[in-house]
C-alpha atoms as a PDB file:
ATOM      1  CA  MET A   1     -44.430 -78.147-245.433  1.00  0.00           C
ATOM      2  CA  TYR A   2     -43.208 -75.305-243.318  1.00  0.00           C
ATOM      3  CA  LEU A   3     -46.610 -74.224-241.956  1.00  0.00           C
ATOM      4  CA  SER A   4     -47.460 -77.794-240.991  1.00  0.00           C
ATOM      5  CA  ASN A   5     -44.278 -78.032-238.939  1.00  0.00           C
ATOM      6  CA  LEU A   6     -45.160 -74.847-237.074  1.00  0.00           C
ATOM      7  CA  LYS A   7     -48.724 -76.068-236.428  1.00  0.00           C
ATOM      8  CA  VAL A   8     -50.146 -72.588-236.897  1.00  0.00           C
ATOM      9  CA  LEU A   9     -53.164 -73.454-239.030  1.00  0.00           C
ATOM     10  CA  GLU A  10     -56.278 -73.129-236.891  1.00  0.00           C
ATOM     11  CA  GLY A  11     -59.775 -71.731-237.076  1.00  0.00           C
ATOM     12  CA  GLU A  12     -60.473 -69.494-240.026  1.00  0.00           C
ATOM     13  CA  ALA A  13     -57.165 -70.271-241.762  1.00  0.00           C
ATOM     14  CA  LEU A  14     -57.873 -74.000-241.609  1.00  0.00           C
ATOM     15  CA  GLU A  15     -61.426 -73.417-242.833  1.00  0.00           C
ATOM     16  CA  ASN A  16     -60.111 -71.384-245.782  1.00  0.00           C
ATOM     17  CA  LEU A  17     -57.643 -74.164-246.596  1.00  0.00           C
ATOM     18  CA  ILE A  18     -60.499 -76.665-246.733  1.00  0.00           C
ATOM     19  CA  LYS A  19     -62.504 -74.350-249.004  1.00  0.00           C
ATOM     20  CA  ALA A  20     -59.460 -73.879-251.265  1.00  0.00           C
ATOM     21  CA  THR A  21     -59.444 -77.610-252.093  1.00  0.00           C
ATOM     22  CA  ASN A  22     -62.402 -76.876-254.417  1.00  0.00           C
ATOM     23  CA  HIS A  23     -61.006 -73.690-255.982  1.00  0.00           C
ATOM     24  CA  HIS A  24     -61.525 -73.141-259.738  1.00  0.00           C
ATOM     25  CA  SER A  25     -57.785 -72.632-260.386  1.00  0.00           C
ATOM     26  CA  TRP A  26     -56.238 -76.096-260.617  1.00  0.00           C
ATOM     27  CA  GLN A  27     -52.791 -74.913-259.462  1.00  0.00           C
ATOM     28  CA  PHE A  28     -54.175 -73.359-256.291  1.00  0.00           C
ATOM     29  CA  LYS A  29     -56.498 -76.314-255.713  1.00  0.00           C
ATOM     30  CA  THR A  30     -53.586 -78.767-256.027  1.00  0.00           C
ATOM     31  CA  PHE A  31     -51.475 -76.736-253.593  1.00  0.00           C
ATOM     32  CA  ALA A  32     -54.328 -76.574-251.070  1.00  0.00           C
ATOM     33  CA  ARG A  33     -54.994 -80.313-251.333  1.00  0.00           C
ATOM     34  CA  ARG A  34     -51.334 -81.154-250.729  1.00  0.00           C
ATOM     35  CA  MET A  35     -51.257 -78.850-247.739  1.00  0.00           C
ATOM     36  CA  LEU A  36     -54.469 -80.328-246.319  1.00  0.00           C
ATOM     37  CA  ASP A  37     -53.066 -83.833-246.815  1.00  0.00           C
ATOM     38  CA  GLU A  38     -50.099 -82.819-244.646  1.00  0.00           C
ATOM     39  CA  GLU A  39     -52.410 -81.453-241.976  1.00  0.00           C
ATOM     40  CA  LEU A  40     -54.496 -84.645-241.955  1.00  0.00           C
ATOM     41  CA  ARG A  41     -51.422 -86.689-241.036  1.00  0.00           C
ATOM     42  CA  ASP A  42     -51.306 -84.998-237.628  1.00  0.00           C
ATOM     43  CA  GLU A  43     -53.924 -86.436-235.254  1.00  0.00           C
ATOM     44  CA  ASP A  44     -54.469 -83.113-233.420  1.00  0.00           C
ATOM     45  CA  GLN A  45     -55.041 -81.285-236.691  1.00  0.00           C
ATOM     46  CA  ARG A  46     -57.326 -84.075-237.892  1.00  0.00           C
ATOM     47  CA  GLN A  47     -59.499 -83.527-234.806  1.00  0.00           C
ATOM     48  CA  ARG A  48     -59.568 -79.754-235.423  1.00  0.00           C
ATOM     49  CA  ILE A  49     -60.521 -80.351-239.050  1.00  0.00           C
ATOM     50  CA  ASP A  50     -63.254 -82.805-238.020  1.00  0.00           C
ATOM     51  CA  SER A  51     -64.770 -80.269-235.619  1.00  0.00           C
ATOM     52  CA  LEU A  52     -64.561 -77.486-238.216  1.00  0.00           C
ATOM     53  CA  SER A  53     -66.239 -79.654-240.834  1.00  0.00           C
ATOM     54  CA  MET A  54     -69.360 -79.941-238.671  1.00  0.00           C
ATOM     55  CA  ARG A  55     -70.224 -76.296-239.331  1.00  0.00           C
ATOM     56  CA  MET A  56     -69.144 -75.979-242.970  1.00  0.00           C
ATOM     57  CA  ASP A  57     -71.142 -76.269-246.201  1.00  0.00           C
ATOM     58  CA  THR A  58     -71.305 -79.709-247.793  1.00  0.00           C
ATOM     59  CA  LYS A  59     -69.928 -78.380-251.084  1.00  0.00           C
ATOM     60  CA  ASP A  60     -66.789 -77.151-249.302  1.00  0.00           C
ATOM     61  CA  LEU A  61     -66.199 -80.589-247.783  1.00  0.00           C
ATOM     62  CA  GLN A  62     -66.220 -82.613-251.001  1.00  0.00           C
ATOM     63  CA  TYR A  63     -62.456 -83.274-251.129  1.00  0.00           C
ATOM     64  CA  LEU A  64     -62.121 -83.635-247.366  1.00  0.00           C
ATOM     65  CA  ARG A  65     -64.764 -86.353-247.184  1.00  0.00           C
ATOM     66  CA  LYS A  66     -63.196 -88.247-250.074  1.00  0.00           C
ATOM     67  CA  LYS A  67     -59.745 -87.968-248.521  1.00  0.00           C
ATOM     68  CA  SER A  68     -60.845 -88.876-245.000  1.00  0.00           C
ATOM     69  CA  ASN A  69     -62.572 -92.030-246.196  1.00  0.00           C
ATOM     70  CA  SER A  70     -59.635 -93.144-248.326  1.00  0.00           C
ATOM     71  CA  MET A  71     -57.093 -92.556-245.566  1.00  0.00           C
ATOM     72  CA  ARG A  72     -58.949 -94.721-243.067  1.00  0.00           C
ATOM     73  CA  ALA A  73     -59.438 -97.836-245.174  1.00  0.00           C
ATOM     74  CA  LEU A  74     -57.260-100.911-245.474  1.00  0.00           C
ATOM     75  CA  VAL A  75     -58.136-103.421-248.174  1.00  0.00           C
ATOM     76  CA  ILE A  76     -56.836-106.964-247.787  1.00  0.00           C
ATOM     77  CA  SER A  77     -57.170-109.113-250.886  1.00  0.00           C
ATOM     78  CA  GLY A  78     -55.965-112.589-251.704  1.00  0.00           C
ATOM     79  CA  GLY A  79     -55.100-115.635-249.703  1.00  0.00           C
ATOM     80  CA  GLY A  80     -52.090-117.675-248.784  1.00  0.00           C
ATOM     81  CA  SER A  81     -48.916-115.921-247.744  1.00  0.00           C
ATOM     82  CA  LYS A  82     -50.050-112.520-249.056  1.00  0.00           C
ATOM     83  CA  GLY A  83     -53.249-112.664-247.033  1.00  0.00           C
ATOM     84  CA  ALA A  84     -51.354-113.785-243.942  1.00  0.00           C
ATOM     85  CA  PHE A  85     -48.865-110.928-244.340  1.00  0.00           C
ATOM     86  CA  ALA A  86     -51.655-108.391-244.828  1.00  0.00           C
ATOM     87  CA  GLY A  87     -53.412-109.750-241.748  1.00  0.00           C
ATOM     88  CA  GLY A  88     -50.224-109.236-239.755  1.00  0.00           C
ATOM     89  CA  VAL A  89     -49.959-105.665-241.001  1.00  0.00           C
ATOM     90  CA  ALA A  90     -53.583-105.021-240.035  1.00  0.00           C
ATOM     91  CA  GLN A  91     -53.019-106.482-236.565  1.00  0.00           C
ATOM     92  CA  TYR A  92     -49.952-104.277-236.082  1.00  0.00           C
ATOM     93  CA  LEU A  93     -51.834-101.147-237.156  1.00  0.00           C
ATOM     94  CA  ILE A  94     -54.709-101.940-234.808  1.00  0.00           C
ATOM     95  CA  GLN A  95     -52.299-102.508-231.908  1.00  0.00           C
ATOM     96  CA  GLU A  96     -50.635 -99.176-232.660  1.00  0.00           C
ATOM     97  CA  GLY A  97     -54.016 -97.472-232.429  1.00  0.00           C
ATOM     98  CA  VAL A  98     -54.378 -96.567-236.102  1.00  0.00           C
ATOM     99  CA  ARG A  99     -58.031 -95.942-236.890  1.00  0.00           C
ATOM    100  CA  LEU A 100     -59.092 -97.807-239.999  1.00  0.00           C
ATOM    101  CA  MET A 101     -61.870 -99.804-241.566  1.00  0.00           C
ATOM    102  CA  THR A 102     -60.978-103.235-242.882  1.00  0.00           C
ATOM    103  CA  TYR A 103     -62.668-104.845-245.894  1.00  0.00           C
ATOM    104  CA  LEU A 104     -61.987-108.552-246.349  1.00  0.00           C
END
C-alpha cells in the first residue's frame, strides 16, 4: 500500500489503525486489517506497534494479538523427506534471524 511505502504511520495514526481492526463496519475493518498486515511486515513498524500495544485497551488489541501469534509460528508436521525439507526451511529462517516459534 502507498502509506506503507512512505512509512508515515506513527503514533496516534498507528493506534487508530489498530483500533479500526475491530470496527463494526466489515468493509472498514477489512481495509484496516489489510493495512495493519502490511505494517507488520516491516520490522521497524512491528516494534512501534509492539510498544504502542503496551498502553492500549485489551479489546482494541484482539486482532493484533491473533495476527502476531500466527505470524510468528512455524508448524512442521510429518516425517521422511517432507520433515527433512521443513527442517531445512526452519534452519534457514533461524539463520536469517526470523523470529518464530517452532512446534514439532
